[in-house]
Structures are given as structure tokens and as C-alpha cells.
N, C-alpha and C. Protein backbone atom coordinates (compact mmCIF):
# COMPACT_ATOMS: atom_id res chain seq x y z
N MET A 1 22.75 -30.19 35.90
CA MET A 1 21.28 -29.44 35.69
C MET A 1 21.32 -28.38 34.60
N LEU A 2 22.36 -27.45 34.63
CA LEU A 2 22.45 -26.25 33.50
C LEU A 2 22.82 -27.00 32.42
N LEU A 3 23.69 -27.89 32.02
CA LEU A 3 23.86 -28.77 30.87
C LEU A 3 22.57 -28.99 30.39
N ALA A 4 21.45 -29.63 31.05
CA ALA A 4 20.35 -30.02 30.50
C ALA A 4 19.59 -28.90 30.07
N LEU A 5 19.54 -27.63 30.93
CA LEU A 5 18.44 -26.45 30.42
C LEU A 5 19.36 -25.98 29.23
N LEU A 6 20.68 -26.14 29.04
CA LEU A 6 21.43 -25.38 27.90
C LEU A 6 20.87 -26.47 26.46
N LEU A 7 20.75 -27.82 26.81
CA LEU A 7 20.45 -28.71 25.82
C LEU A 7 19.23 -28.64 25.45
N ILE A 8 18.29 -27.87 26.23
CA ILE A 8 16.83 -27.59 25.74
C ILE A 8 16.96 -26.25 25.38
N ILE A 9 17.48 -25.32 25.87
CA ILE A 9 17.15 -23.61 25.33
C ILE A 9 17.96 -23.49 24.19
N VAL A 10 19.04 -23.72 23.92
CA VAL A 10 19.91 -23.48 22.79
C VAL A 10 19.23 -23.80 21.52
N PRO A 11 18.64 -25.24 21.28
CA PRO A 11 18.07 -25.57 20.33
C PRO A 11 16.79 -24.81 20.28
N MET A 12 15.91 -24.57 20.96
CA MET A 12 14.64 -23.66 20.83
C MET A 12 15.45 -22.24 20.46
N LEU A 13 15.83 -21.52 20.90
CA LEU A 13 16.38 -20.20 20.47
C LEU A 13 17.21 -20.46 18.98
N VAL A 14 17.87 -21.58 18.52
CA VAL A 14 17.99 -21.48 17.32
C VAL A 14 16.94 -21.93 16.11
N GLY A 15 15.89 -22.57 16.56
CA GLY A 15 14.75 -22.90 15.89
C GLY A 15 13.85 -21.65 15.61
N GLN A 16 13.69 -20.56 17.20
CA GLN A 16 13.36 -19.47 16.75
C GLN A 16 13.91 -18.55 15.93
N PHE A 17 15.15 -18.44 15.68
CA PHE A 17 15.91 -17.62 14.87
C PHE A 17 15.85 -17.92 13.55
N ASN A 18 15.73 -19.47 13.26
CA ASN A 18 15.37 -19.81 11.77
C ASN A 18 13.90 -19.49 11.50
N ASN A 19 13.06 -19.53 12.06
CA ASN A 19 11.63 -19.35 12.08
C ASN A 19 11.29 -17.87 11.49
N LEU A 20 12.28 -16.98 12.42
CA LEU A 20 12.16 -15.63 11.95
C LEU A 20 12.74 -15.28 10.60
N ALA A 21 13.87 -15.98 10.43
CA ALA A 21 14.87 -15.76 9.28
C ALA A 21 13.68 -16.12 8.28
N SER A 22 13.11 -17.42 8.31
CA SER A 22 12.48 -17.65 7.10
C SER A 22 11.51 -17.02 6.65
N ARG A 23 10.90 -16.22 7.87
CA ARG A 23 9.41 -15.24 7.65
C ARG A 23 9.97 -13.70 7.13
N LEU A 24 11.32 -13.49 7.21
CA LEU A 24 11.72 -12.20 6.95
C LEU A 24 11.10 -11.58 5.28
N PRO A 25 11.13 -12.20 4.39
CA PRO A 25 10.83 -11.95 3.25
C PRO A 25 9.42 -11.36 3.28
N GLN A 26 8.69 -12.24 4.00
CA GLN A 26 7.08 -11.72 4.32
C GLN A 26 6.95 -10.52 4.98
N LEU A 27 7.63 -10.22 6.23
CA LEU A 27 7.77 -9.09 6.66
C LEU A 27 8.53 -7.88 5.96
N ILE A 28 9.10 -7.74 5.11
CA ILE A 28 9.71 -6.99 4.46
C ILE A 28 8.83 -6.56 3.50
N GLY A 29 8.05 -7.52 2.74
CA GLY A 29 7.38 -7.38 1.95
C GLY A 29 5.89 -6.47 2.32
N PHE A 30 5.27 -6.97 3.52
CA PHE A 30 4.10 -6.33 4.47
C PHE A 30 4.75 -4.88 4.73
N MET A 31 5.92 -4.67 5.30
CA MET A 31 6.29 -2.95 5.08
C MET A 31 6.17 -2.45 3.83
N GLN A 32 6.90 -2.87 2.98
CA GLN A 32 7.03 -1.95 1.54
C GLN A 32 5.41 -1.92 1.08
N ASN A 33 5.05 -2.97 1.21
CA ASN A 33 3.40 -2.99 0.46
C ASN A 33 2.11 -2.11 1.33
N THR A 34 2.46 -2.36 2.50
CA THR A 34 1.13 -2.08 3.59
C THR A 34 1.47 -0.96 4.56
N LEU A 35 2.64 -1.20 5.02
CA LEU A 35 2.89 -0.11 6.41
C LEU A 35 3.32 1.06 5.96
N LEU A 36 4.56 1.13 4.75
CA LEU A 36 5.11 2.30 4.18
C LEU A 36 4.08 3.21 3.48
N PRO A 37 3.24 2.82 2.66
CA PRO A 37 2.23 3.59 2.25
C PRO A 37 1.33 4.30 3.27
N TRP A 38 0.75 3.45 4.11
CA TRP A 38 -0.06 3.72 5.21
C TRP A 38 0.34 5.03 6.02
N LEU A 39 1.90 5.00 6.33
CA LEU A 39 2.67 5.81 7.34
C LEU A 39 2.85 7.04 6.44
N LYS A 40 3.04 6.88 4.89
CA LYS A 40 3.07 7.91 3.96
C LYS A 40 1.81 8.91 4.02
N ILE A 41 0.87 8.19 3.92
CA ILE A 41 -0.60 8.89 3.93
C ILE A 41 -0.93 9.73 5.22
N GLN A 42 -0.71 9.02 6.37
CA GLN A 42 -0.60 9.48 7.71
C GLN A 42 0.02 10.59 8.27
N SER A 43 1.27 10.49 7.48
CA SER A 43 2.26 11.67 7.61
C SER A 43 1.87 13.03 6.77
N ALA A 44 1.39 12.49 5.78
CA ALA A 44 0.67 13.70 4.97
C ALA A 44 -0.46 14.39 5.20
N ASP A 45 -1.43 13.62 5.93
CA ASP A 45 -2.47 14.32 6.88
C ASP A 45 -1.96 15.23 7.90
N MET A 46 -0.91 14.51 8.71
CA MET A 46 -0.70 15.10 9.74
C MET A 46 -0.03 16.69 9.66
N TRP A 47 0.59 16.16 8.40
CA TRP A 47 1.43 17.83 7.94
C TRP A 47 0.42 18.73 7.53
N LYS A 48 -0.57 18.38 6.77
CA LYS A 48 -1.58 19.20 6.28
C LYS A 48 -2.51 19.91 7.52
N SER A 49 -2.55 19.04 8.53
CA SER A 49 -3.29 19.56 9.67
C SER A 49 -2.45 20.90 10.34
N ILE A 50 -1.05 20.36 10.77
CA ILE A 50 0.03 21.37 11.15
C ILE A 50 0.27 22.58 10.36
N ARG A 51 0.38 22.18 8.71
CA ARG A 51 0.34 23.52 8.17
C ARG A 51 -1.05 24.44 8.25
N HIS A 52 -2.03 23.86 8.51
CA HIS A 52 -3.15 24.62 8.40
C HIS A 52 -3.12 25.72 9.74
N LEU A 53 -2.85 24.54 10.89
CA LEU A 53 -2.96 25.34 12.14
C LEU A 53 -2.03 26.37 12.39
N LEU A 54 -0.54 26.18 11.60
CA LEU A 54 0.38 27.25 11.57
C LEU A 54 -0.16 28.44 10.89
N LEU A 55 -0.54 28.05 9.92
CA LEU A 55 -0.95 29.55 8.93
C LEU A 55 -2.10 30.21 9.56
N ARG A 56 -2.81 29.45 10.08
CA ARG A 56 -4.25 29.90 10.86
C ARG A 56 -3.58 31.14 11.91
N GLY A 57 -2.61 30.54 12.52
CA GLY A 57 -2.04 31.07 13.61
C GLY A 57 -1.38 32.33 13.29
N PHE A 58 -0.64 32.06 12.09
CA PHE A 58 -0.01 33.64 11.52
C PHE A 58 -0.83 34.52 11.03
N ARG A 59 -1.99 34.18 10.52
CA ARG A 59 -3.07 35.02 9.97
C ARG A 59 -3.70 35.79 11.32
N ARG A 60 -3.74 35.10 12.45
CA ARG A 60 -4.51 35.84 13.35
C ARG A 60 -3.54 37.09 13.98
N ILE A 61 -2.34 36.55 13.88
CA ILE A 61 -1.44 37.29 14.44
C ILE A 61 -1.22 38.59 13.52
N ARG A 62 -1.32 38.48 12.16
CA ARG A 62 -0.97 39.61 11.39
C ARG A 62 -2.22 40.40 11.36
N ALA A 63 -3.50 39.80 11.74
CA ALA A 63 -4.48 40.62 11.70
C ALA A 63 -4.76 41.46 12.95
N SER A 64 -4.11 41.04 13.92
CA SER A 64 -4.53 42.00 15.20
C SER A 64 -2.98 42.98 15.31
């Protein structure tokens, strides 16, 4: 029974690994061309918001 399971599961795992390995260039291309620019824009927007809030808070402290 165990041998039969191994004969079925191991080739399936090898096939899945080969499938993932063949898609790796596409995944890397997606990350470089789509995901990273989007993250860069989002982090810049977040930094601007945080900086604005911090500066506004410091101005209030100085004014009082």
C-alpha cells in the first residue's frame, strides 16, 4: 500500500516541481515589470502620508 502511494505521489510531486520551474521566468518577469513598480509607488505614497502626518504633528507641538 505504501509503495503504491509512493509510486503515485512522487511522480506527481516531480511534475509539480517541473511545472513551477518552467513558470519561474514568467513569475520573475511579473515581479520585475508589474509588482515591484506597484510596490514602489505604494511605498512612496505611504511615505508621503506618514511624513505629512509627522510634520503636521511637529508643527502643532512647536505652535503650543
